[in-house]
Amino acid sequence: MKKLKFWLTGLLLVQLLLAVALLLNNQWEAQKNKPKPLLAIDWQSVDQLMVETKDFGVTLLKSDASWILSDTKLPINNDDINELLRSLKNLQTGWPVATMSSSHKRFEVADDKFLRHVEVYSQGDLLGELFFGNSPGLRQSHVRRAGDDAIYNVRLDTLDINANADLWIDKGLISASDISAIRGPDYNVKRTGATWFFNRSGPSIFLGNSNQGKLDQNKVDELSAALSNLEIYKIARYKPVLTSDDTVKTTLEVTDDKGSWTYLFVKVGDAYFVQRNDREEMFTLKKAVYEKIADLRQTDLIMAKPE
């Protein structure tokens, strides 16, 4: 009987030791896989970001407090770059979905097979490198750190990581701001306070003809708003031939709180372009944006005379 009690006590002790060992092991595993920043770097020091796919690649540089495209030096939308940096900073590790190098290509996070490749720099030094792959669910993607076999599931859609330079350009790059005067093909208007008038200064060829009717304040306000909200589409890879017979050109001179600008709007068939005098680049436009500005004439800005 004593021998049985001894063995039962020993068995209970072994079970207790095993339970404690399992508990400690689970705690160690949980601590090991506790969510941590995927890139533990000083994000305030980041001044360069490279994003690439198999087809596109773009490098973004920080210049003072703003960001620009490395090749064209054009400014990019600060909200867009700040959102991407914030998303990268918030990426966490957690439990890996795979830990073998043989699984990299299956999840499309391999060095030579990926959907997005991101490199983060500070003063020329590489701080972190990520490979983004296929999606396990809505607005999610698999990701792997360079030099690490572990693959994680994170809440960041690869579609939100743009590698096309055209998608990074500040769309309001050449828009006007607080407009006070607009000179078009056959009209010349200026604003005093909140009211628009025909501008009677300057060469007579540019004077508005008020005999045709009264200036429609709403229509001029719409033109002013269209110039203030002017959005380019992308950089024109090939500039139109301005001397061609099928090219329609419209010039506008606009004065706002920052200076005076000369806009050249161009239509060639179903293609629409715009250029401003302070920049060499010509940009493409959507048809609706072009029509709201370049197609307007003085008759569109005046009220019809009562019959």
C-alpha atoms as a PDB file:
ATOM      1  CA  MET A   1       0.000   0.000   0.000  1.00  0.00           C
ATOM      2  CA  LYS A   2       2.820   2.361   0.903  1.00  0.00           C
ATOM      3  CA  LYS A   3       4.554   1.494  -2.349  1.00  0.00           C
ATOM      4  CA  LEU A   4       1.357   2.339  -4.330  1.00  0.00           C
ATOM      5  CA  LYS A   5       0.985   5.674  -2.557  1.00  0.00           C
ATOM      6  CA  PHE A   6       4.619   6.435  -3.355  1.00  0.00           C
ATOM      7  CA  TRP A   7       4.147   5.727  -7.064  1.00  0.00           C
ATOM      8  CA  LEU A   8       0.888   7.718  -7.203  1.00  0.00           C
ATOM      9  CA  THR A   9       2.547  10.652  -5.492  1.00  0.00           C
ATOM     10  CA  GLY A  10       5.464  10.426  -7.900  1.00  0.00           C
ATOM     11  CA  LEU A  11       3.090  10.312 -10.892  1.00  0.00           C
ATOM     12  CA  LEU A  12       1.196  13.354  -9.616  1.00  0.00           C
ATOM     13  CA  LEU A  13       4.459  15.214  -9.171  1.00  0.00           C
ATOM     14  CA  VAL A  14       5.519  14.346 -12.731  1.00  0.00           C
ATOM     15  CA  GLN A  15       2.149  15.573 -14.045  1.00  0.00           C
ATOM     16  CA  LEU A  16       2.520  18.834 -12.108  1.00  0.00           C
ATOM     17  CA  LEU A  17       6.036  19.335 -13.449  1.00  0.00           C
ATOM     18  CA  LEU A  18       4.815  18.598 -16.988  1.00  0.00           C
ATOM     19  CA  ALA A  19       1.952  21.073 -16.598  1.00  0.00           C
ATOM     20  CA  VAL A  20       4.320  23.754 -15.329  1.00  0.00           C
ATOM     21  CA  ALA A  21       6.706  23.058 -18.208  1.00  0.00           C
ATOM     22  CA  LEU A  22       3.889  23.330 -20.758  1.00  0.00           C
ATOM     23  CA  LEU A  23       2.652  26.543 -19.173  1.00  0.00           C
ATOM     24  CA  LEU A  24       6.113  28.081 -19.227  1.00  0.00           C
ATOM     25  CA  ASN A  25       6.616  26.937 -22.813  1.00  0.00           C
ATOM     26  CA  ASN A  26       3.286  28.462 -23.889  1.00  0.00           C
ATOM     27  CA  GLN A  27       4.157  31.698 -22.129  1.00  0.00           C
ATOM     28  CA  TRP A  28       7.553  31.728 -23.829  1.00  0.00           C
ATOM     29  CA  GLU A  29       5.947  31.069 -27.222  1.00  0.00           C
ATOM     30  CA  ALA A  30       3.356  33.783 -26.603  1.00  0.00           C
ATOM     31  CA  GLN A  31       6.041  36.244 -25.572  1.00  0.00           C
ATOM     32  CA  LYS A  32       8.180  35.221 -28.524  1.00  0.00           C
ATOM     33  CA  ASN A  33       5.332  35.886 -30.956  1.00  0.00           C
ATOM     34  CA  LYS A  34       3.928  38.931 -29.194  1.00  0.00           C
ATOM     35  CA  PRO A  35       3.242  41.604 -31.829  1.00  0.00           C
ATOM     36  CA  LYS A  36       6.256  43.836 -32.395  1.00  0.00           C
ATOM     37  CA  PRO A  37       6.957  46.515 -35.002  1.00  0.00           C
ATOM     38  CA  LEU A  38       7.899  44.852 -38.270  1.00  0.00           C
ATOM     39  CA  LEU A  39      10.451  47.614 -38.824  1.00  0.00           C
ATOM     40  CA  ALA A  40      11.854  48.894 -35.526  1.00  0.00           C
ATOM     41  CA  ILE A  41      13.505  52.015 -36.942  1.00  0.00           C
ATOM     42  CA  ASP A  42      13.582  55.752 -36.324  1.00  0.00           C
ATOM     43  CA  TRP A  43      10.776  56.832 -38.637  1.00  0.00           C
ATOM     44  CA  GLN A  44      11.443  60.530 -37.997  1.00  0.00           C
ATOM     45  CA  SER A  45      14.794  60.171 -39.757  1.00  0.00           C
ATOM     46  CA  VAL A  46      13.399  58.566 -42.926  1.00  0.00           C
ATOM     47  CA  ASP A  47      14.199  60.716 -45.982  1.00  0.00           C
ATOM     48  CA  GLN A  48      13.990  58.269 -48.871  1.00  0.00           C
ATOM     49  CA  LEU A  49      11.551  55.572 -49.894  1.00  0.00           C
ATOM     50  CA  MET A  50      11.868  53.165 -52.819  1.00  0.00           C
ATOM     51  CA  VAL A  51       8.855  51.203 -54.065  1.00  0.00           C
ATOM     52  CA  GLU A  52       8.951  48.770 -56.959  1.00  0.00           C
ATOM     53  CA  THR A  53       6.961  46.062 -58.713  1.00  0.00           C
ATOM     54  CA  LYS A  54       8.053  43.892 -61.616  1.00  0.00           C
ATOM     55  CA  ASP A  55       6.847  46.655 -63.993  1.00  0.00           C
ATOM     56  CA  PHE A  56       7.274  49.976 -62.174  1.00  0.00           C
ATOM     57  CA  GLY A  57       9.603  51.608 -59.738  1.00  0.00           C
ATOM     58  CA  VAL A  58       9.660  54.956 -57.994  1.00  0.00           C
ATOM     59  CA  THR A  59      11.978  56.681 -55.524  1.00  0.00           C
ATOM     60  CA  LEU A  60      10.617  59.362 -53.216  1.00  0.00           C
ATOM     61  CA  LEU A  61      12.926  61.872 -51.558  1.00  0.00           C
ATOM     62  CA  LYS A  62      12.349  64.211 -48.639  1.00  0.00           C
ATOM     63  CA  SER A  63      13.335  67.785 -49.394  1.00  0.00           C
ATOM     64  CA  ASP A  64      13.084  69.998 -46.298  1.00  0.00           C
ATOM     65  CA  ALA A  65       9.548  69.343 -45.021  1.00  0.00           C
ATOM     66  CA  SER A  66       8.162  68.127 -48.354  1.00  0.00           C
ATOM     67  CA  TRP A  67       8.609  65.075 -50.566  1.00  0.00           C
ATOM     68  CA  ILE A  68       9.489  64.975 -54.261  1.00  0.00           C
ATOM     69  CA  LEU A  69       9.966  62.440 -57.036  1.00  0.00           C
ATOM     70  CA  SER A  70      13.665  61.671 -57.430  1.00  0.00           C
ATOM     71  CA  ASP A  71      13.726  61.731 -61.240  1.00  0.00           C
ATOM     72  CA  THR A  72      11.508  64.725 -62.113  1.00  0.00           C
ATOM     73  CA  LYS A  73      11.865  66.614 -58.796  1.00  0.00           C
ATOM     74  CA  LEU A  74       8.122  67.246 -58.918  1.00  0.00           C
ATOM     75  CA  PRO A  75       6.413  67.572 -55.528  1.00  0.00           C
ATOM     76  CA  ILE A  76       4.148  64.770 -54.393  1.00  0.00           C
ATOM     77  CA  ASN A  77       1.065  64.876 -52.228  1.00  0.00           C
ATOM     78  CA  ASN A  78       2.200  65.046 -48.603  1.00  0.00           C
ATOM     79  CA  ASP A  79      -0.984  63.326 -47.382  1.00  0.00           C
ATOM     80  CA  ASP A  80      -0.246  60.307 -49.589  1.00  0.00           C
ATOM     81  CA  ILE A  81       3.357  59.848 -48.449  1.00  0.00           C
ATOM     82  CA  ASN A  82       2.475  60.443 -44.790  1.00  0.00           C
ATOM     83  CA  GLU A  83      -0.281  57.823 -45.006  1.00  0.00           C
ATOM     84  CA  LEU A  84       2.106  55.242 -46.473  1.00  0.00           C
ATOM     85  CA  LEU A  85       4.802  55.947 -43.879  1.00  0.00           C
ATOM     86  CA  ARG A  86       2.209  55.685 -41.117  1.00  0.00           C
ATOM     87  CA  SER A  87       0.971  52.355 -42.508  1.00  0.00           C
ATOM     88  CA  LEU A  88       4.504  50.946 -42.706  1.00  0.00           C
ATOM     89  CA  LYS A  89       5.284  52.134 -39.199  1.00  0.00           C
ATOM     90  CA  ASN A  90       2.171  50.413 -37.800  1.00  0.00           C
ATOM     91  CA  LEU A  91       2.945  46.991 -39.308  1.00  0.00           C
ATOM     92  CA  GLN A  92       3.225  44.303 -36.608  1.00  0.00           C
ATOM     93  CA  THR A  93       4.747  40.806 -36.584  1.00  0.00           C
ATOM     94  CA  GLY A  94       2.577  38.443 -34.469  1.00  0.00           C
ATOM     95  CA  TRP A  95       2.299  34.721 -35.304  1.00  0.00           C
ATOM     96  CA  PRO A  96       3.994  33.910 -38.631  1.00  0.00           C
ATOM     97  CA  VAL A  97       1.953  32.103 -41.266  1.00  0.00           C
ATOM     98  CA  ALA A  98       5.121  30.380 -42.519  1.00  0.00           C
ATOM     99  CA  THR A  99       8.752  30.197 -41.481  1.00  0.00           C
ATOM    100  CA  MET A 100      10.419  28.212 -44.254  1.00  0.00           C
ATOM    101  CA  SER A 101      12.308  29.810 -47.145  1.00  0.00           C
ATOM    102  CA  SER A 102      10.666  27.290 -49.475  1.00  0.00           C
ATOM    103  CA  SER A 103       7.327  29.067 -48.912  1.00  0.00           C
ATOM    104  CA  HIS A 104       8.533  32.510 -50.068  1.00  0.00           C
ATOM    105  CA  LYS A 105       7.536  32.089 -53.699  1.00  0.00           C
ATOM    106  CA  ARG A 106       4.185  30.537 -52.815  1.00  0.00           C
ATOM    107  CA  PHE A 107       3.293  33.652 -50.802  1.00  0.00           C
ATOM    108  CA  GLU A 108       5.013  35.861 -53.422  1.00  0.00           C
ATOM    109  CA  VAL A 109       7.440  37.444 -50.965  1.00  0.00           C
ATOM    110  CA  ALA A 110      10.657  36.071 -52.449  1.00  0.00           C
ATOM    111  CA  ASP A 111      13.602  38.237 -53.478  1.00  0.00           C
ATOM    112  CA  ASP A 112      12.807  37.503 -57.120  1.00  0.00           C
ATOM    113  CA  LYS A 113       9.031  37.112 -56.904  1.00  0.00           C
ATOM    114  CA  PHE A 114       6.980  39.772 -55.110  1.00  0.00           C
ATOM    115  CA  LEU A 115       4.101  42.179 -55.614  1.00  0.00           C
ATOM    116  CA  ARG A 116       5.758  45.117 -53.863  1.00  0.00           C
ATOM    117  CA  HIS A 117       9.332  45.686 -52.733  1.00  0.00           C
ATOM    118  CA  VAL A 118       9.892  48.571 -50.310  1.00  0.00           C
ATOM    119  CA  GLU A 119      13.190  49.998 -49.100  1.00  0.00           C
ATOM    120  CA  VAL A 120      13.417  52.648 -46.387  1.00  0.00           C
ATOM    121  CA  TYR A 121      16.488  54.914 -46.108  1.00  0.00           C
ATOM    122  CA  SER A 122      17.933  57.632 -43.919  1.00  0.00           C
ATOM    123  CA  GLN A 123      20.838  59.725 -45.230  1.00  0.00           C
ATOM    124  CA  GLY A 124      21.711  56.984 -47.710  1.00  0.00           C
ATOM    125  CA  ASP A 125      21.656  54.151 -45.163  1.00  0.00           C
ATOM    126  CA  LEU A 126      19.178  51.297 -45.674  1.00  0.00           C
ATOM    127  CA  LEU A 127      17.037  51.079 -42.514  1.00  0.00           C
ATOM    128  CA  GLY A 128      14.593  48.386 -43.562  1.00  0.00           C
ATOM    129  CA  GLU A 129      13.469  46.288 -46.509  1.00  0.00           C
ATOM    130  CA  LEU A 130      10.108  44.556 -47.007  1.00  0.00           C
ATOM    131  CA  PHE A 131       8.619  42.195 -49.596  1.00  0.00           C
ATOM    132  CA  PHE A 132       4.828  42.290 -49.930  1.00  0.00           C
ATOM    133  CA  GLY A 133       3.019  39.352 -51.520  1.00  0.00           C
ATOM    134  CA  ASN A 134      -0.432  37.958 -52.198  1.00  0.00           C
ATOM    135  CA  SER A 135      -3.497  38.768 -50.141  1.00  0.00           C
ATOM    136  CA  PRO A 136      -5.081  36.427 -47.570  1.00  0.00           C
ATOM    137  CA  GLY A 137      -8.165  38.655 -47.290  1.00  0.00           C
ATOM    138  CA  LEU A 138      -9.695  42.078 -47.843  1.00  0.00           C
ATOM    139  CA  ARG A 139      -7.155  44.911 -47.469  1.00  0.00           C
ATOM    140  CA  GLN A 140      -4.494  42.453 -46.234  1.00  0.00           C
ATOM    141  CA  SER A 141      -1.243  41.116 -47.591  1.00  0.00           C
ATOM    142  CA  HIS A 142       1.569  38.769 -46.717  1.00  0.00           C
ATOM    143  CA  VAL A 143       4.882  40.424 -45.929  1.00  0.00           C
ATOM    144  CA  ARG A 144       8.452  39.355 -45.192  1.00  0.00           C
ATOM    145  CA  ARG A 145      11.457  41.285 -43.953  1.00  0.00           C
ATOM    146  CA  ALA A 146      14.630  40.970 -45.992  1.00  0.00           C
ATOM    147  CA  GLY A 147      16.967  38.443 -44.374  1.00  0.00           C
ATOM    148  CA  ASP A 148      14.104  36.820 -42.412  1.00  0.00           C
ATOM    149  CA  ASP A 149      12.239  33.670 -43.466  1.00  0.00           C
ATOM    150  CA  ALA A 150       9.142  34.400 -41.364  1.00  0.00           C
ATOM    151  CA  ILE A 151       6.052  35.561 -43.281  1.00  0.00           C
ATOM    152  CA  TYR A 152       3.340  37.598 -41.595  1.00  0.00           C
ATOM    153  CA  ASN A 153      -0.211  38.601 -42.397  1.00  0.00           C
ATOM    154  CA  VAL A 154      -0.638  42.390 -42.122  1.00  0.00           C
ATOM    155  CA  ARG A 155      -3.447  44.865 -42.674  1.00  0.00           C
ATOM    156  CA  LEU A 156      -2.065  46.735 -45.651  1.00  0.00           C
ATOM    157  CA  ASP A 157      -3.267  46.288 -49.211  1.00  0.00           C
ATOM    158  CA  THR A 158      -0.514  46.200 -51.817  1.00  0.00           C
ATOM    159  CA  LEU A 159      -2.714  48.472 -53.977  1.00  0.00           C
ATOM    160  CA  ASP A 160      -2.082  51.197 -51.390  1.00  0.00           C
ATOM    161  CA  ILE A 161       1.660  50.958 -52.043  1.00  0.00           C
ATOM    162  CA  ASN A 162       2.031  52.828 -55.328  1.00  0.00           C
ATOM    163  CA  ALA A 163       5.056  52.150 -57.510  1.00  0.00           C
ATOM    164  CA  ASN A 164       3.874  54.342 -60.404  1.00  0.00           C
ATOM    165  CA  ALA A 165       5.309  57.873 -60.352  1.00  0.00           C
ATOM    166  CA  ASP A 166       2.192  59.318 -62.025  1.00  0.00           C
ATOM    167  CA  LEU A 167       0.079  58.258 -59.052  1.00  0.00           C
ATOM    168  CA  TRP A 168       2.344  60.133 -56.628  1.00  0.00           C
ATOM    169  CA  ILE A 169       2.318  63.548 -58.319  1.00  0.00           C
ATOM    170  CA  ASP A 170       0.470  66.287 -56.479  1.00  0.00           C
ATOM    171  CA  LYS A 171      -2.638  66.557 -58.665  1.00  0.00           C
ATOM    172  CA  GLY A 172      -3.144  70.183 -57.663  1.00  0.00           C
ATOM    173  CA  LEU A 173       0.415  71.095 -58.640  1.00  0.00           C
ATOM    174  CA  ILE A 174      -0.523  73.904 -61.071  1.00  0.00           C
ATOM    175  CA  SER A 175      -3.895  74.918 -59.678  1.00  0.00           C
ATOM    176  CA  ALA A 176      -4.448  78.571 -58.787  1.00  0.00           C
ATOM    177  CA  SER A 177      -5.499  79.703 -55.330  1.00  0.00           C
ATOM    178  CA  ASP A 178      -7.222  82.987 -54.442  1.00  0.00           C
ATOM    179  CA  ILE A 179      -7.938  84.241 -57.970  1.00  0.00           C
ATOM    180  CA  SER A 180      -8.417  87.966 -58.574  1.00  0.00           C
ATOM    181  CA  ALA A 181      -8.239  88.219 -62.387  1.00  0.00           C
ATOM    182  CA  ILE A 182      -8.709  85.973 -65.441  1.00  0.00           C
ATOM    183  CA  ARG A 183      -7.927  86.878 -69.031  1.00  0.00           C
ATOM    184  CA  GLY A 184      -9.192  84.430 -71.632  1.00  0.00           C
ATOM    185  CA  PRO A 185      -9.422  84.280 -75.429  1.00  0.00           C
ATOM    186  CA  ASP A 186     -12.091  87.005 -75.663  1.00  0.00           C
ATOM    187  CA  TYR A 187     -12.795  88.035 -72.080  1.00  0.00           C
ATOM    188  CA  ASN A 188     -10.963  89.853 -69.289  1.00  0.00           C
ATOM    189  CA  VAL A 189     -12.464  89.897 -65.808  1.00  0.00           C
ATOM    190  CA  LYS A 190     -11.269  90.934 -62.385  1.00  0.00           C
ATOM    191  CA  ARG A 191     -12.627  90.560 -58.892  1.00  0.00           C
ATOM    192  CA  THR A 192     -13.139  93.270 -56.292  1.00  0.00           C
ATOM    193  CA  GLY A 193     -14.264  91.791 -52.998  1.00  0.00           C
ATOM    194  CA  ALA A 194     -16.711  89.061 -53.939  1.00  0.00           C
ATOM    195  CA  THR A 195     -17.888  90.682 -57.188  1.00  0.00           C
ATOM    196  CA  TRP A 196     -16.540  90.151 -60.701  1.00  0.00           C
ATOM    197  CA  PHE A 197     -16.285  92.993 -63.238  1.00  0.00           C
ATOM    198  CA  PHE A 198     -15.085  93.392 -66.806  1.00  0.00           C
ATOM    199  CA  ASN A 199     -11.486  94.565 -66.628  1.00  0.00           C
ATOM    200  CA  ARG A 200     -11.198  97.942 -68.400  1.00  0.00           C
ATOM    201  CA  SER A 201      -7.422  98.248 -68.030  1.00  0.00           C
ATOM    202  CA  GLY A 202      -4.832  97.154 -70.571  1.00  0.00           C
ATOM    203  CA  PRO A 203      -4.891  96.928 -74.379  1.00  0.00           C
ATOM    204  CA  SER A 204      -8.319  97.412 -75.912  1.00  0.00           C
ATOM    205  CA  ILE A 205      -8.102  94.086 -77.699  1.00  0.00           C
ATOM    206  CA  PHE A 206      -8.537  92.329 -74.351  1.00  0.00           C
ATOM    207  CA  LEU A 207     -11.395  94.473 -73.038  1.00  0.00           C
ATOM    208  CA  GLY A 208     -14.632  92.682 -72.247  1.00  0.00           C
ATOM    209  CA  ASN A 209     -17.658  93.819 -74.199  1.00  0.00           C
ATOM    210  CA  SER A 210     -20.396  94.436 -71.636  1.00  0.00           C
ATOM    211  CA  ASN A 211     -22.825  95.497 -74.384  1.00  0.00           C
ATOM    212  CA  GLN A 212     -23.542  91.821 -74.972  1.00  0.00           C
ATOM    213  CA  GLY A 213     -25.049  91.458 -71.531  1.00  0.00           C
ATOM    214  CA  LYS A 214     -24.395  91.554 -67.820  1.00  0.00           C
ATOM    215  CA  LEU A 215     -21.564  89.487 -66.367  1.00  0.00           C
ATOM    216  CA  ASP A 216     -22.956  86.339 -64.744  1.00  0.00           C
ATOM    217  CA  GLN A 217     -21.331  86.154 -61.298  1.00  0.00           C
ATOM    218  CA  ASN A 218     -22.143  82.468 -60.835  1.00  0.00           C
ATOM    219  CA  LYS A 219     -20.582  81.450 -64.137  1.00  0.00           C
ATOM    220  CA  VAL A 220     -17.390  83.402 -63.463  1.00  0.00           C
ATOM    221  CA  ASP A 221     -17.272  81.890 -59.976  1.00  0.00           C
ATOM    222  CA  GLU A 222     -17.533  78.437 -61.581  1.00  0.00           C
ATOM    223  CA  LEU A 223     -14.625  79.253 -63.908  1.00  0.00           C
ATOM    224  CA  SER A 224     -12.571  80.533 -60.969  1.00  0.00           C
ATOM    225  CA  ALA A 225     -13.384  77.389 -58.965  1.00  0.00           C
ATOM    226  CA  ALA A 226     -12.391  75.176 -61.907  1.00  0.00           C
ATOM    227  CA  LEU A 227      -8.977  76.860 -62.016  1.00  0.00           C
ATOM    228  CA  SER A 228      -8.594  76.625 -58.239  1.00  0.00           C
ATOM    229  CA  ASN A 229      -9.498  72.922 -58.315  1.00  0.00           C
ATOM    230  CA  LEU A 230      -7.546  72.173 -61.491  1.00  0.00           C
ATOM    231  CA  GLU A 231      -6.215  68.614 -61.306  1.00  0.00           C
ATOM    232  CA  ILE A 232      -3.624  67.236 -63.668  1.00  0.00           C
ATOM    233  CA  TYR A 233      -3.779  63.573 -64.637  1.00  0.00           C
ATOM    234  CA  LYS A 234      -0.153  62.677 -65.315  1.00  0.00           C
ATOM    235  CA  ILE A 235       3.015  63.919 -67.017  1.00  0.00           C
ATOM    236  CA  ALA A 236       2.688  63.950 -70.801  1.00  0.00           C
ATOM    237  CA  ARG A 237       5.287  61.512 -72.136  1.00  0.00           C
ATOM    238  CA  TYR A 238       5.074  63.118 -75.563  1.00  0.00           C
ATOM    239  CA  LYS A 239       4.248  66.796 -76.008  1.00  0.00           C
ATOM    240  CA  PRO A 240       1.741  67.651 -78.727  1.00  0.00           C
ATOM    241  CA  VAL A 241       2.882  69.421 -81.887  1.00  0.00           C
ATOM    242  CA  LEU A 242       1.535  72.933 -81.319  1.00  0.00           C
ATOM    243  CA  THR A 243       1.820  73.935 -84.980  1.00  0.00           C
ATOM    244  CA  SER A 244      -0.311  71.048 -86.242  1.00  0.00           C
ATOM    245  CA  ASP A 245      -3.591  71.910 -87.993  1.00  0.00           C
ATOM    246  CA  ASP A 246      -5.608  69.608 -85.733  1.00  0.00           C
ATOM    247  CA  THR A 247      -4.243  71.219 -82.543  1.00  0.00           C
ATOM    248  CA  VAL A 248      -6.546  73.570 -80.614  1.00  0.00           C
ATOM    249  CA  LYS A 249      -4.724  75.979 -78.281  1.00  0.00           C
ATOM    250  CA  THR A 250      -6.259  78.188 -75.585  1.00  0.00           C
ATOM    251  CA  THR A 251      -4.253  80.603 -73.443  1.00  0.00           C
ATOM    252  CA  LEU A 252      -5.404  81.967 -70.082  1.00  0.00           C
ATOM    253  CA  GLU A 253      -3.669  84.513 -67.872  1.00  0.00           C
ATOM    254  CA  VAL A 254      -4.587  84.121 -64.230  1.00  0.00           C
ATOM    255  CA  THR A 255      -3.661  86.307 -61.267  1.00  0.00           C
ATOM    256  CA  ASP A 256      -3.967  84.925 -57.745  1.00  0.00           C
ATOM    257  CA  ASP A 257      -2.527  85.675 -54.303  1.00  0.00           C
ATOM    258  CA  LYS A 258       0.794  84.054 -55.269  1.00  0.00           C
ATOM    259  CA  GLY A 259       1.452  85.737 -58.616  1.00  0.00           C
ATOM    260  CA  SER A 260       0.463  85.753 -62.269  1.00  0.00           C
ATOM    261  CA  TRP A 261       0.373  82.579 -64.341  1.00  0.00           C
ATOM    262  CA  THR A 262      -0.015  81.805 -68.015  1.00  0.00           C
ATOM    263  CA  TYR A 263      -1.834  78.558 -68.790  1.00  0.00           C
ATOM    264  CA  LEU A 264      -1.707  76.870 -72.169  1.00  0.00           C
ATOM    265  CA  PHE A 265      -4.523  74.385 -72.767  1.00  0.00           C
ATOM    266  CA  VAL A 266      -4.136  72.087 -75.778  1.00  0.00           C
ATOM    267  CA  LYS A 267      -6.531  69.684 -77.446  1.00  0.00           C
ATOM    268  CA  VAL A 268      -5.399  67.148 -80.038  1.00  0.00           C
ATOM    269  CA  GLY A 269      -8.189  64.803 -81.066  1.00  0.00           C
ATOM    270  CA  ASP A 270      -9.354  63.138 -77.862  1.00  0.00           C
ATOM    271  CA  ALA A 271      -6.208  64.057 -75.906  1.00  0.00           C
ATOM    272  CA  TYR A 272      -6.078  67.067 -73.568  1.00  0.00           C
ATOM    273  CA  PHE A 273      -3.025  68.850 -72.164  1.00  0.00           C
ATOM    274  CA  VAL A 274      -2.098  71.800 -69.978  1.00  0.00           C
ATOM    275  CA  GLN A 275       1.129  73.652 -69.212  1.00  0.00           C
ATOM    276  CA  ARG A 276       1.858  76.532 -66.848  1.00  0.00           C
ATOM    277  CA  ASN A 277       4.603  79.056 -67.506  1.00  0.00           C
ATOM    278  CA  ASP A 278       6.527  78.258 -64.295  1.00  0.00           C
ATOM    279  CA  ARG A 279       7.128  74.614 -65.269  1.00  0.00           C
ATOM    280  CA  GLU A 280       8.690  72.881 -68.247  1.00  0.00           C
ATOM    281  CA  GLU A 281       6.492  69.802 -68.044  1.00  0.00           C
ATOM    282  CA  MET A 282       3.237  69.445 -69.904  1.00  0.00           C
ATOM    283  CA  PHE A 283       0.515  67.443 -68.193  1.00  0.00           C
ATOM    284  CA  THR A 284      -2.458  65.509 -69.461  1.00  0.00           C
ATOM    285  CA  LEU A 285      -5.996  66.408 -68.410  1.00  0.00           C
ATOM    286  CA  LYS A 286      -9.313  64.664 -68.259  1.00  0.00           C
ATOM    287  CA  LYS A 287     -11.813  65.876 -70.842  1.00  0.00           C
ATOM    288  CA  ALA A 288     -14.266  67.246 -68.262  1.00  0.00           C
ATOM    289  CA  VAL A 289     -11.556  69.381 -66.629  1.00  0.00           C
ATOM    290  CA  TYR A 290     -10.473  70.781 -69.999  1.00  0.00           C
ATOM    291  CA  GLU A 291     -14.026  71.650 -71.064  1.00  0.00           C
ATOM    292  CA  LYS A 292     -14.824  73.532 -67.845  1.00  0.00           C
ATOM    293  CA  ILE A 293     -11.955  75.954 -68.528  1.00  0.00           C
ATOM    294  CA  ALA A 294     -10.628  75.972 -72.073  1.00  0.00           C
ATOM    295  CA  ASP A 295     -13.961  75.775 -73.898  1.00  0.00           C
ATOM    296  CA  LEU A 296     -15.432  78.870 -72.209  1.00  0.00           C
ATOM    297  CA  ARG A 297     -15.835  82.147 -74.100  1.00  0.00           C
ATOM    298  CA  GLN A 298     -17.285  85.540 -73.162  1.00  0.00           C
ATOM    299  CA  THR A 299     -20.773  84.543 -74.304  1.00  0.00           C
ATOM    300  CA  ASP A 300     -20.677  81.743 -71.714  1.00  0.00           C
ATOM    301  CA  LEU A 301     -19.934  84.212 -68.907  1.00  0.00           C
ATOM    302  CA  ILE A 302     -22.738  86.735 -69.460  1.00  0.00           C
ATOM    303  CA  MET A 303     -26.426  86.657 -68.751  1.00  0.00           C
ATOM    304  CA  ALA A 304     -28.710  86.422 -71.728  1.00  0.00           C
ATOM    305  CA  LYS A 305     -30.490  89.674 -72.503  1.00  0.00           C
ATOM    306  CA  PRO A 306     -34.203  89.569 -71.707  1.00  0.00           C
ATOM    307  CA  GLU A 307     -36.339  89.436 -74.837  1.00  0.00           C
END
